Amino acid sequence: MPTESKQTYSPEVIQEAAQLAKKVKAPQQTKEQTKIIEQGIRKGLAQYKKQQKAQARDQDKQRKKQLKRKELEDTHDMRADADTQRHALPAWLPWSLLLVSWVGFVSYVLTI
């Protein structure tokens, strides 16, 4: 036996479906036919709203992923900058060490 699942619709969807069904009603159309049309419109509106909600959720997820990725990149860039600043030696340090070693070598040679 196929089970029928009764779907509950929001009052806004029911009202919109009733208004649309009345607008498209033909002069010879019976109340039953109008109800069937209204049910079809109701199902269509509910499905459309579900799709819109799903798209909005997907867009929100993408936006959050982009924000998270951007934060990670910014954090990584800041860490890389801090590392280069921490490990960068001043330009005068190697030259001064070279000069001190030469002075020491010359003084050693002169004392011999």
PDB file of N, CA and C in Angstrom:
ATOM      1  N   MET A   1       0.815  -1.184   0.000  1.00  0.00           N
ATOM      2  CA  MET A   1       0.000   0.000   0.000  1.00  0.00           C
ATOM      3  C   MET A   1       0.861   1.250   0.000  1.00  0.00           C
ATOM      4  N   PRO A   2       0.667   2.135  -0.939  1.00  0.00           N
ATOM      5  CA  PRO A   2       1.422   3.387  -0.915  1.00  0.00           C
ATOM      6  C   PRO A   2       0.894   4.284   0.195  1.00  0.00           C
ATOM      7  N   THR A   3       1.819   4.834   0.936  1.00  0.00           N
ATOM      8  CA  THR A   3       1.418   5.727   2.016  1.00  0.00           C
ATOM      9  C   THR A   3       1.417   7.155   1.523  1.00  0.00           C
ATOM     10  N   GLU A   4       0.338   7.826   1.830  1.00  0.00           N
ATOM     11  CA  GLU A   4       0.244   9.232   1.444  1.00  0.00           C
ATOM     12  C   GLU A   4       0.740  10.092   2.581  1.00  0.00           C
ATOM     13  N   SER A   5       1.675  10.952   2.271  1.00  0.00           N
ATOM     14  CA  SER A   5       2.161  11.858   3.311  1.00  0.00           C
ATOM     15  C   SER A   5       1.487  13.202   3.102  1.00  0.00           C
ATOM     16  N   LYS A   6       0.719  13.584   4.077  1.00  0.00           N
ATOM     17  CA  LYS A   6       0.053  14.882   3.983  1.00  0.00           C
ATOM     18  C   LYS A   6       1.066  15.965   4.314  1.00  0.00           C
ATOM     19  N   GLN A   7       1.210  16.849   3.386  1.00  0.00           N
ATOM     20  CA  GLN A   7       2.171  17.926   3.578  1.00  0.00           C
ATOM     21  C   GLN A   7       1.418  19.138   4.107  1.00  0.00           C
ATOM     22  N   THR A   8       1.947  19.730   5.149  1.00  0.00           N
ATOM     23  CA  THR A   8       1.324  20.932   5.689  1.00  0.00           C
ATOM     24  C   THR A   8       2.001  22.136   5.052  1.00  0.00           C
ATOM     25  N   TYR A   9       1.193  23.069   4.697  1.00  0.00           N
ATOM     26  CA  TYR A   9       1.688  24.271   4.038  1.00  0.00           C
ATOM     27  C   TYR A   9       1.508  25.458   4.960  1.00  0.00           C
ATOM     28  N   SER A  10       2.344  26.435   4.782  1.00  0.00           N
ATOM     29  CA  SER A  10       2.237  27.638   5.593  1.00  0.00           C
ATOM     30  C   SER A  10       0.985  28.413   5.177  1.00  0.00           C
ATOM     31  N   PRO A  11       0.457  29.220   6.075  1.00  0.00           N
ATOM     32  CA  PRO A  11      -0.746  30.000   5.733  1.00  0.00           C
ATOM     33  C   PRO A  11      -0.519  30.944   4.553  1.00  0.00           C
ATOM     34  N   GLU A  12       0.708  31.453   4.427  1.00  0.00           N
ATOM     35  CA  GLU A  12       1.000  32.357   3.304  1.00  0.00           C
ATOM     36  C   GLU A  12       0.889  31.615   1.971  1.00  0.00           C
ATOM     37  N   VAL A  13       1.409  30.387   1.940  1.00  0.00           N
ATOM     38  CA  VAL A  13       1.369  29.599   0.706  1.00  0.00           C
ATOM     39  C   VAL A  13      -0.073  29.272   0.348  1.00  0.00           C
ATOM     40  N   ILE A  14      -0.865  28.904   1.356  1.00  0.00           N
ATOM     41  CA  ILE A  14      -2.269  28.572   1.108  1.00  0.00           C
ATOM     42  C   ILE A  14      -3.016  29.786   0.567  1.00  0.00           C
ATOM     43  N   GLN A  15      -2.764  30.935   1.160  1.00  0.00           N
ATOM     44  CA  GLN A  15      -3.435  32.156   0.728  1.00  0.00           C
ATOM     45  C   GLN A  15      -3.006  32.543  -0.689  1.00  0.00           C
ATOM     46  N   GLU A  16      -1.718  32.465  -0.974  1.00  0.00           N
ATOM     47  CA  GLU A  16      -1.237  32.801  -2.318  1.00  0.00           C
ATOM     48  C   GLU A  16      -1.821  31.853  -3.356  1.00  0.00           C
ATOM     49  N   ALA A  17      -1.875  30.572  -3.021  1.00  0.00           N
ATOM     50  CA  ALA A  17      -2.417  29.583  -3.950  1.00  0.00           C
ATOM     51  C   ALA A  17      -3.886  29.849  -4.218  1.00  0.00           C
ATOM     52  N   ALA A  18      -4.654  30.198  -3.191  1.00  0.00           N
ATOM     53  CA  ALA A  18      -6.083  30.487  -3.371  1.00  0.00           C
ATOM     54  C   ALA A  18      -6.271  31.712  -4.257  1.00  0.00           C
ATOM     55  N   GLN A  19      -5.470  32.740  -4.031  1.00  0.00           N
ATOM     56  CA  GLN A  19      -5.588  33.952  -4.849  1.00  0.00           C
ATOM     57  C   GLN A  19      -5.244  33.665  -6.309  1.00  0.00           C
ATOM     58  N   LEU A  20      -4.171  32.904  -6.517  1.00  0.00           N
ATOM     59  CA  LEU A  20      -3.789  32.597  -7.893  1.00  0.00           C
ATOM     60  C   LEU A  20      -4.825  31.709  -8.576  1.00  0.00           C
ATOM     61  N   ALA A  21      -5.377  30.760  -7.854  1.00  0.00           N
ATOM     62  CA  ALA A  21      -6.387  29.875  -8.430  1.00  0.00           C
ATOM     63  C   ALA A  21      -7.629  30.677  -8.826  1.00  0.00           C
ATOM     64  N   LYS A  22      -8.005  31.659  -8.021  1.00  0.00           N
ATOM     65  CA  LYS A  22      -9.163  32.498  -8.355  1.00  0.00           C
ATOM     66  C   LYS A  22      -8.876  33.370  -9.565  1.00  0.00           C
ATOM     67  N   LYS A  23      -7.623  33.821  -9.687  1.00  0.00           N
ATOM     68  CA  LYS A  23      -7.266  34.685 -10.818  1.00  0.00           C
ATOM     69  C   LYS A  23      -7.308  33.938 -12.147  1.00  0.00           C
ATOM     70  N   VAL A  24      -6.928  32.667 -12.139  1.00  0.00           N
ATOM     71  CA  VAL A  24      -6.852  31.915 -13.392  1.00  0.00           C
ATOM     72  C   VAL A  24      -8.107  31.079 -13.642  1.00  0.00           C
ATOM     73  N   LYS A  25      -9.124  31.275 -12.825  1.00  0.00           N
ATOM     74  CA  LYS A  25     -10.348  30.498 -12.934  1.00  0.00           C
ATOM     75  C   LYS A  25     -11.070  30.816 -14.243  1.00  0.00           C
ATOM     76  N   ALA A  26     -11.460  29.752 -14.917  1.00  0.00           N
ATOM     77  CA  ALA A  26     -12.224  29.894 -16.155  1.00  0.00           C
ATOM     78  C   ALA A  26     -13.719  30.009 -15.802  1.00  0.00           C
ATOM     79  N   PRO A  27     -14.523  30.596 -16.672  1.00  0.00           N
ATOM     80  CA  PRO A  27     -15.947  30.775 -16.359  1.00  0.00           C
ATOM     81  C   PRO A  27     -16.711  29.453 -16.145  1.00  0.00           C
ATOM     82  N   GLN A  28     -16.373  28.387 -16.867  1.00  0.00           N
ATOM     83  CA  GLN A  28     -17.101  27.130 -16.731  1.00  0.00           C
ATOM     84  C   GLN A  28     -16.483  26.207 -15.679  1.00  0.00           C
ATOM     85  N   GLN A  29     -15.506  26.646 -14.995  1.00  0.00           N
ATOM     86  CA  GLN A  29     -14.744  25.803 -14.064  1.00  0.00           C
ATOM     87  C   GLN A  29     -15.548  25.540 -12.791  1.00  0.00           C
ATOM     88  N   THR A  30     -15.524  24.260 -12.353  1.00  0.00           N
ATOM     89  CA  THR A  30     -16.243  23.900 -11.131  1.00  0.00           C
ATOM     90  C   THR A  30     -15.362  24.162  -9.918  1.00  0.00           C
ATOM     91  N   LYS A  31     -15.995  24.059  -8.722  1.00  0.00           N
ATOM     92  CA  LYS A  31     -15.242  24.273  -7.488  1.00  0.00           C
ATOM     93  C   LYS A  31     -14.197  23.182  -7.313  1.00  0.00           C
ATOM     94  N   GLU A  32     -14.513  21.973  -7.705  1.00  0.00           N
ATOM     95  CA  GLU A  32     -13.552  20.869  -7.575  1.00  0.00           C
ATOM     96  C   GLU A  32     -12.320  21.116  -8.438  1.00  0.00           C
ATOM     97  N   GLN A  33     -12.566  21.580  -9.653  1.00  0.00           N
ATOM     98  CA  GLN A  33     -11.449  21.873 -10.549  1.00  0.00           C
ATOM     99  C   GLN A  33     -10.596  23.009  -9.977  1.00  0.00           C
ATOM    100  N   THR A  34     -11.245  23.985  -9.396  1.00  0.00           N
ATOM    101  CA  THR A  34     -10.519  25.096  -8.787  1.00  0.00           C
ATOM    102  C   THR A  34      -9.685  24.598  -7.616  1.00  0.00           C
ATOM    103  N   LYS A  35     -10.246  23.680  -6.811  1.00  0.00           N
ATOM    104  CA  LYS A  35      -9.494  23.125  -5.681  1.00  0.00           C
ATOM    105  C   LYS A  35      -8.283  22.341  -6.164  1.00  0.00           C
ATOM    106  N   ILE A  36      -8.450  21.588  -7.241  1.00  0.00           N
ATOM    107  CA  ILE A  36      -7.329  20.818  -7.782  1.00  0.00           C
ATOM    108  C   ILE A  36      -6.237  21.762  -8.284  1.00  0.00           C
ATOM    109  N   ILE A  37      -6.644  22.808  -8.959  1.00  0.00           N
ATOM    110  CA  ILE A  37      -5.673  23.799  -9.440  1.00  0.00           C
ATOM    111  C   ILE A  37      -4.980  24.462  -8.254  1.00  0.00           C
ATOM    112  N   GLU A  38      -5.766  24.786  -7.232  1.00  0.00           N
ATOM    113  CA  GLU A  38      -5.197  25.413  -6.038  1.00  0.00           C
ATOM    114  C   GLU A  38      -4.176  24.490  -5.363  1.00  0.00           C
ATOM    115  N   GLN A  39      -4.476  23.199  -5.306  1.00  0.00           N
ATOM    116  CA  GLN A  39      -3.541  22.241  -4.722  1.00  0.00           C
ATOM    117  C   GLN A  39      -2.244  22.182  -5.535  1.00  0.00           C
ATOM    118  N   GLY A  40      -2.370  22.200  -6.853  1.00  0.00           N
ATOM    119  CA  GLY A  40      -1.184  22.192  -7.704  1.00  0.00           C
ATOM    120  C   GLY A  40      -0.340  23.433  -7.507  1.00  0.00           C
ATOM    121  N   ILE A  41      -1.022  24.573  -7.421  1.00  0.00           N
ATOM    122  CA  ILE A  41      -0.295  25.828  -7.191  1.00  0.00           C
ATOM    123  C   ILE A  41       0.371  25.795  -5.829  1.00  0.00           C
ATOM    124  N   ARG A  42      -0.327  25.273  -4.825  1.00  0.00           N
ATOM    125  CA  ARG A  42       0.217  25.179  -3.470  1.00  0.00           C
ATOM    126  C   ARG A  42       1.481  24.321  -3.467  1.00  0.00           C
ATOM    127  N   LYS A  43       1.430  23.183  -4.136  1.00  0.00           N
ATOM    128  CA  LYS A  43       2.605  22.308  -4.205  1.00  0.00           C
ATOM    129  C   LYS A  43       3.759  23.010  -4.918  1.00  0.00           C
ATOM    130  N   GLY A  44       3.435  23.691  -6.002  1.00  0.00           N
ATOM    131  CA  GLY A  44       4.470  24.407  -6.748  1.00  0.00           C
ATOM    132  C   GLY A  44       5.106  25.507  -5.930  1.00  0.00           C
ATOM    133  N   LEU A  45       4.294  26.273  -5.216  1.00  0.00           N
ATOM    134  CA  LEU A  45       4.831  27.345  -4.370  1.00  0.00           C
ATOM    135  C   LEU A  45       5.697  26.782  -3.252  1.00  0.00           C
ATOM    136  N   ALA A  46       5.225  25.693  -2.636  1.00  0.00           N
ATOM    137  CA  ALA A  46       6.004  25.095  -1.546  1.00  0.00           C
ATOM    138  C   ALA A  46       7.340  24.585  -2.075  1.00  0.00           C
ATOM    139  N   GLN A  47       7.318  23.942  -3.232  1.00  0.00           N
ATOM    140  CA  GLN A  47       8.560  23.429  -3.820  1.00  0.00           C
ATOM    141  C   GLN A  47       9.497  24.577  -4.179  1.00  0.00           C
ATOM    142  N   TYR A  48       8.953  25.648  -4.747  1.00  0.00           N
ATOM    143  CA  TYR A  48       9.766  26.808  -5.108  1.00  0.00           C
ATOM    144  C   TYR A  48      10.416  27.422  -3.874  1.00  0.00           C
ATOM    145  N   LYS A  49       9.632  27.561  -2.799  1.00  0.00           N
ATOM    146  CA  LYS A  49      10.189  28.143  -1.580  1.00  0.00           C
ATOM    147  C   LYS A  49      11.266  27.249  -0.976  1.00  0.00           C
ATOM    148  N   LYS A  50      11.079  25.930  -1.049  1.00  0.00           N
ATOM    149  CA  LYS A  50      12.111  25.007  -0.556  1.00  0.00           C
ATOM    150  C   LYS A  50      13.390  25.171  -1.356  1.00  0.00           C
ATOM    151  N   GLN A  51      13.258  25.292  -2.677  1.00  0.00           N
ATOM    152  CA  GLN A  51      14.439  25.472  -3.527  1.00  0.00           C
ATOM    153  C   GLN A  51      15.145  26.777  -3.192  1.00  0.00           C
ATOM    154  N   GLN A  52      14.378  27.832  -2.965  1.00  0.00           N
ATOM    155  CA  GLN A  52      14.981  29.118  -2.643  1.00  0.00           C
ATOM    156  C   GLN A  52      15.718  29.059  -1.311  1.00  0.00           C
ATOM    157  N   LYS A  53      15.130  28.358  -0.332  1.00  0.00           N
ATOM    158  CA  LYS A  53      15.799  28.218   0.957  1.00  0.00           C
ATOM    159  C   LYS A  53      17.084  27.421   0.810  1.00  0.00           C
ATOM    160  N   ALA A  54      17.047  26.365   0.000  1.00  0.00           N
ATOM    161  CA  ALA A  54      18.243  25.549  -0.202  1.00  0.00           C
ATOM    162  C   ALA A  54      19.333  26.374  -0.887  1.00  0.00           C
ATOM    163  N   GLN A  55      18.948  27.163  -1.879  1.00  0.00           N
ATOM    164  CA  GLN A  55      19.926  28.015  -2.562  1.00  0.00           C
ATOM    165  C   GLN A  55      20.506  29.052  -1.601  1.00  0.00           C
ATOM    166  N   ALA A  56      19.668  29.617  -0.755  1.00  0.00           N
ATOM    167  CA  ALA A  56      20.154  30.597   0.215  1.00  0.00           C
ATOM    168  C   ALA A  56      21.120  29.951   1.197  1.00  0.00           C
ATOM    169  N   ARG A  57      20.824  28.723   1.631  1.00  0.00           N
ATOM    170  CA  ARG A  57      21.738  28.014   2.529  1.00  0.00           C
ATOM    171  C   ARG A  57      23.065  27.745   1.843  1.00  0.00           C
ATOM    172  N   ASP A  58      23.004  27.297   0.584  1.00  0.00           N
ATOM    173  CA  ASP A  58      24.240  27.022  -0.154  1.00  0.00           C
ATOM    174  C   ASP A  58      25.071  28.286  -0.331  1.00  0.00           C
ATOM    175  N   GLN A  59      24.405  29.383  -0.669  1.00  0.00           N
ATOM    176  CA  GLN A  59      25.134  30.645  -0.827  1.00  0.00           C
ATOM    177  C   GLN A  59      25.757  31.087   0.492  1.00  0.00           C
ATOM    178  N   ASP A  60      25.028  30.892   1.585  1.00  0.00           N
ATOM    179  CA  ASP A  60      25.555  31.254   2.897  1.00  0.00           C
ATOM    180  C   ASP A  60      26.766  30.392   3.247  1.00  0.00           C
ATOM    181  N   LYS A  61      26.684  29.096   2.926  1.00  0.00           N
ATOM    182  CA  LYS A  61      27.821  28.211   3.183  1.00  0.00           C
ATOM    183  C   LYS A  61      29.034  28.646   2.364  1.00  0.00           C
ATOM    184  N   GLN A  62      28.828  28.978   1.096  1.00  0.00           N
ATOM    185  CA  GLN A  62      29.933  29.428   0.250  1.00  0.00           C
ATOM    186  C   GLN A  62      30.537  30.715   0.791  1.00  0.00           C
ATOM    187  N   ARG A  63      29.672  31.636   1.237  1.00  0.00           N
ATOM    188  CA  ARG A  63      30.161  32.906   1.767  1.00  0.00           C
ATOM    189  C   ARG A  63      30.995  32.657   3.021  1.00  0.00           C
ATOM    190  N   LYS A  64      30.518  31.757   3.888  1.00  0.00           N
ATOM    191  CA  LYS A  64      31.259  31.452   5.104  1.00  0.00           C
ATOM    192  C   LYS A  64      32.585  30.777   4.785  1.00  0.00           C
ATOM    193  N   LYS A  65      32.601  29.897   3.786  1.00  0.00           N
ATOM    194  CA  LYS A  65      33.851  29.246   3.390  1.00  0.00           C
ATOM    195  C   LYS A  65      34.852  30.279   2.887  1.00  0.00           C
ATOM    196  N   GLN A  66      34.366  31.227   2.081  1.00  0.00           N
ATOM    197  CA  GLN A  66      35.259  32.258   1.560  1.00  0.00           C
ATOM    198  C   GLN A  66      35.810  33.127   2.686  1.00  0.00           C
ATOM    199  N   LEU A  67      34.952  33.479   3.646  1.00  0.00           N
ATOM    200  CA  LEU A  67      35.418  34.278   4.773  1.00  0.00           C
ATOM    201  C   LEU A  67      36.454  33.517   5.584  1.00  0.00           C
ATOM    202  N   LYS A  68      36.197  32.228   5.812  1.00  0.00           N
ATOM    203  CA  LYS A  68      37.136  31.418   6.585  1.00  0.00           C
ATOM    204  C   LYS A  68      38.462  31.289   5.841  1.00  0.00           C
ATOM    205  N   ARG A  69      38.383  31.066   4.516  1.00  0.00           N
ATOM    206  CA  ARG A  69      39.598  30.947   3.704  1.00  0.00           C
ATOM    207  C   ARG A  69      40.383  32.249   3.731  1.00  0.00           C
ATOM    208  N   LYS A  70      39.671  33.369   3.658  1.00  0.00           N
ATOM    209  CA  LYS A  70      40.338  34.670   3.678  1.00  0.00           C
ATOM    210  C   LYS A  70      41.008  34.904   5.035  1.00  0.00           C
ATOM    211  N   GLU A  71      40.316  34.526   6.119  1.00  0.00           N
ATOM    212  CA  GLU A  71      40.910  34.671   7.452  1.00  0.00           C
ATOM    213  C   GLU A  71      42.171  33.821   7.583  1.00  0.00           C
ATOM    214  N   LEU A  72      42.112  32.600   7.078  1.00  0.00           N
ATOM    215  CA  LEU A  72      43.284  31.727   7.144  1.00  0.00           C
ATOM    216  C   LEU A  72      44.447  32.306   6.345  1.00  0.00           C
ATOM    217  N   GLU A  73      44.149  32.840   5.159  1.00  0.00           N
ATOM    218  CA  GLU A  73      45.203  33.444   4.338  1.00  0.00           C
ATOM    219  C   GLU A  73      45.800  34.652   5.050  1.00  0.00           C
ATOM    220  N   ASP A  74      44.942  35.487   5.630  1.00  0.00           N
ATOM    221  CA  ASP A  74      45.435  36.668   6.335  1.00  0.00           C
ATOM    222  C   ASP A  74      46.299  36.258   7.525  1.00  0.00           C
ATOM    223  N   THR A  75      45.847  35.252   8.273  1.00  0.00           N
ATOM    224  CA  THR A  75      46.613  34.772   9.419  1.00  0.00           C
ATOM    225  C   THR A  75      47.947  34.205   8.960  1.00  0.00           C
ATOM    226  N   HIS A  76      47.905  33.450   7.871  1.00  0.00           N
ATOM    227  CA  HIS A  76      49.136  32.857   7.341  1.00  0.00           C
ATOM    228  C   HIS A  76      50.096  33.951   6.879  1.00  0.00           C
ATOM    229  N   ASP A  77      49.560  34.967   6.192  1.00  0.00           N
ATOM    230  CA  ASP A  77      50.402  36.075   5.737  1.00  0.00           C
ATOM    231  C   ASP A  77      51.010  36.820   6.921  1.00  0.00           C
ATOM    232  N   MET A  78      50.217  37.031   7.970  1.00  0.00           N
ATOM    233  CA  MET A  78      50.735  37.743   9.141  1.00  0.00           C
ATOM    234  C   MET A  78      51.833  36.926   9.817  1.00  0.00           C
ATOM    235  N   ARG A  79      51.651  35.609   9.884  1.00  0.00           N
ATOM    236  CA  ARG A  79      52.671  34.752  10.489  1.00  0.00           C
ATOM    237  C   ARG A  79      53.940  34.755   9.657  1.00  0.00           C
ATOM    238  N   ALA A  80      53.777  34.704   8.342  1.00  0.00           N
ATOM    239  CA  ALA A  80      54.942  34.705   7.463  1.00  0.00           C
ATOM    240  C   ALA A  80      55.703  36.021   7.600  1.00  0.00           C
ATOM    241  N   ASP A  81      54.975  37.131   7.674  1.00  0.00           N
ATOM    242  CA  ASP A  81      55.617  38.435   7.852  1.00  0.00           C
ATOM    243  C   ASP A  81      56.355  38.494   9.187  1.00  0.00           C
ATOM    244  N   ALA A  82      55.723  37.972  10.233  1.00  0.00           N
ATOM    245  CA  ALA A  82      56.353  37.986  11.556  1.00  0.00           C
ATOM    246  C   ALA A  82      57.606  37.110  11.556  1.00  0.00           C
ATOM    247  N   ASP A  83      57.544  35.964  10.875  1.00  0.00           N
ATOM    248  CA  ASP A  83      58.705  35.085  10.806  1.00  0.00           C
ATOM    249  C   ASP A  83      59.856  35.745  10.057  1.00  0.00           C
ATOM    250  N   THR A  84      59.576  36.398   8.958  1.00  0.00           N
ATOM    251  CA  THR A  84      60.648  37.045   8.196  1.00  0.00           C
ATOM    252  C   THR A  84      61.237  38.211   8.987  1.00  0.00           C
ATOM    253  N   GLN A  85      60.401  38.918   9.714  1.00  0.00           N
ATOM    254  CA  GLN A  85      60.918  40.020  10.512  1.00  0.00           C
ATOM    255  C   GLN A  85      61.758  39.499  11.674  1.00  0.00           C
ATOM    256  N   ARG A  86      61.358  38.385  12.240  1.00  0.00           N
ATOM    257  CA  ARG A  86      62.076  37.830  13.375  1.00  0.00           C
ATOM    258  C   ARG A  86      63.424  37.258  12.925  1.00  0.00           C
ATOM    259  N   HIS A  87      63.465  36.622  11.760  1.00  0.00           N
ATOM    260  CA  HIS A  87      64.673  35.951  11.305  1.00  0.00           C
ATOM    261  C   HIS A  87      65.583  36.850  10.475  1.00  0.00           C
ATOM    262  N   ALA A  88      65.100  37.988  10.078  1.00  0.00           N
ATOM    263  CA  ALA A  88      65.922  38.885   9.272  1.00  0.00           C
ATOM    264  C   ALA A  88      66.968  39.560  10.162  1.00  0.00           C
ATOM    265  N   LEU A  89      68.204  39.416   9.790  1.00  0.00           N
ATOM    266  CA  LEU A  89      69.286  40.056  10.532  1.00  0.00           C
ATOM    267  C   LEU A  89      69.492  41.464   9.993  1.00  0.00           C
ATOM    268  N   PRO A  90      69.918  42.367  10.839  1.00  0.00           N
ATOM    269  CA  PRO A  90      70.223  43.707  10.336  1.00  0.00           C
ATOM    270  C   PRO A  90      71.380  43.622   9.335  1.00  0.00           C
ATOM    271  N   ALA A  91      71.388  44.506   8.358  1.00  0.00           N
ATOM    272  CA  ALA A  91      72.403  44.467   7.292  1.00  0.00           C
ATOM    273  C   ALA A  91      73.797  44.765   7.837  1.00  0.00           C
ATOM    274  N   TRP A  92      73.929  45.490   8.912  1.00  0.00           N
ATOM    275  CA  TRP A  92      75.246  45.864   9.429  1.00  0.00           C
ATOM    276  C   TRP A  92      75.907  44.728  10.210  1.00  0.00           C
ATOM    277  N   LEU A  93      75.144  43.748  10.689  1.00  0.00           N
ATOM    278  CA  LEU A  93      75.704  42.694  11.527  1.00  0.00           C
ATOM    279  C   LEU A  93      76.746  41.828  10.795  1.00  0.00           C
ATOM    280  N   PRO A  94      76.490  41.328   9.601  1.00  0.00           N
ATOM    281  CA  PRO A  94      77.540  40.519   8.951  1.00  0.00           C
ATOM    282  C   PRO A  94      78.793  41.334   8.625  1.00  0.00           C
ATOM    283  N   TRP A  95      78.599  42.589   8.240  1.00  0.00           N
ATOM    284  CA  TRP A  95      79.756  43.420   7.904  1.00  0.00           C
ATOM    285  C   TRP A  95      80.599  43.720   9.142  1.00  0.00           C
ATOM    286  N   SER A  96      79.915  43.958  10.249  1.00  0.00           N
ATOM    287  CA  SER A  96      80.680  44.244  11.467  1.00  0.00           C
ATOM    288  C   SER A  96      81.439  42.993  11.928  1.00  0.00           C
ATOM    289  N   LEU A  97      80.824  41.819  11.797  1.00  0.00           N
ATOM    290  CA  LEU A  97      81.540  40.589  12.159  1.00  0.00           C
ATOM    291  C   LEU A  97      82.751  40.362  11.247  1.00  0.00           C
ATOM    292  N   LEU A  98      82.598  40.654   9.972  1.00  0.00           N
ATOM    293  CA  LEU A  98      83.713  40.521   9.039  1.00  0.00           C
ATOM    294  C   LEU A  98      84.830  41.489   9.421  1.00  0.00           C
ATOM    295  N   LEU A  99      84.476  42.715   9.736  1.00  0.00           N
ATOM    296  CA  LEU A  99      85.457  43.719  10.116  1.00  0.00           C
ATOM    297  C   LEU A  99      86.196  43.320  11.398  1.00  0.00           C
ATOM    298  N   VAL A 100      85.453  42.827  12.397  1.00  0.00           N
ATOM    299  CA  VAL A 100      86.081  42.405  13.655  1.00  0.00           C
ATOM    300  C   VAL A 100      87.033  41.245  13.398  1.00  0.00           C
ATOM    301  N   SER A 101      86.634  40.294  12.554  1.00  0.00           N
ATOM    302  CA  SER A 101      87.521  39.154  12.282  1.00  0.00           C
ATOM    303  C   SER A 101      88.789  39.602  11.556  1.00  0.00           C
ATOM    304  N   TRP A 102      88.686  40.557  10.623  1.00  0.00           N
ATOM    305  CA  TRP A 102      89.870  41.052   9.932  1.00  0.00           C
ATOM    306  C   TRP A 102      90.786  41.837  10.884  1.00  0.00           C
ATOM    307  N   VAL A 103      90.167  42.622  11.745  1.00  0.00           N
ATOM    308  CA  VAL A 103      90.971  43.367  12.725  1.00  0.00           C
ATOM    309  C   VAL A 103      91.703  42.383  13.625  1.00  0.00           C
ATOM    310  N   GLY A 104      91.013  41.340  14.061  1.00  0.00           N
ATOM    311  CA  GLY A 104      91.647  40.320  14.893  1.00  0.00           C
ATOM    312  C   GLY A 104      92.763  39.608  14.153  1.00  0.00           C
ATOM    313  N   PHE A 105      92.552  39.304  12.865  1.00  0.00           N
ATOM    314  CA  PHE A 105      93.575  38.627  12.068  1.00  0.00           C
ATOM    315  C   PHE A 105      94.793  39.523  11.886  1.00  0.00           C
ATOM    316  N   VAL A 106      94.573  40.788  11.566  1.00  0.00           N
ATOM    317  CA  VAL A 106      95.682  41.727  11.363  1.00  0.00           C
ATOM    318  C   VAL A 106      96.444  41.915  12.665  1.00  0.00           C
ATOM    319  N   SER A 107      95.754  42.043  13.786  1.00  0.00           N
ATOM    320  CA  SER A 107      96.445  42.218  15.056  1.00  0.00           C
ATOM    321  C   SER A 107      97.234  40.955  15.422  1.00  0.00           C
ATOM    322  N   TYR A 108      96.736  39.815  15.089  1.00  0.00           N
ATOM    323  CA  TYR A 108      97.448  38.560  15.354  1.00  0.00           C
ATOM    324  C   TYR A 108      98.733  38.468  14.499  1.00  0.00           C
ATOM    325  N   VAL A 109      98.590  38.852  13.230  1.00  0.00           N
ATOM    326  CA  VAL A 109      99.743  38.806  12.328  1.00  0.00           C
ATOM    327  C   VAL A 109     100.799  39.811  12.780  1.00  0.00           C
ATOM    328  N   LEU A 110     100.417  40.982  13.221  1.00  0.00           N
ATOM    329  CA  LEU A 110     101.355  42.003  13.648  1.00  0.00           C
ATOM    330  C   LEU A 110     102.066  41.637  14.947  1.00  0.00           C
ATOM    331  N   THR A 111     101.431  40.868  15.809  1.00  0.00           N
ATOM    332  CA  THR A 111     102.072  40.496  17.077  1.00  0.00           C
ATOM    333  C   THR A 111     103.038  39.338  16.880  1.00  0.00           C
ATOM    334  N   ILE A 112     103.006  38.653  15.845  1.00  0.00           N
ATOM    335  CA  ILE A 112     103.927  37.544  15.631  1.00  0.00           C
ATOM    336  C   ILE A 112     105.286  38.027  15.232  1.00  0.00           C
TER     337      ILE A 112
END
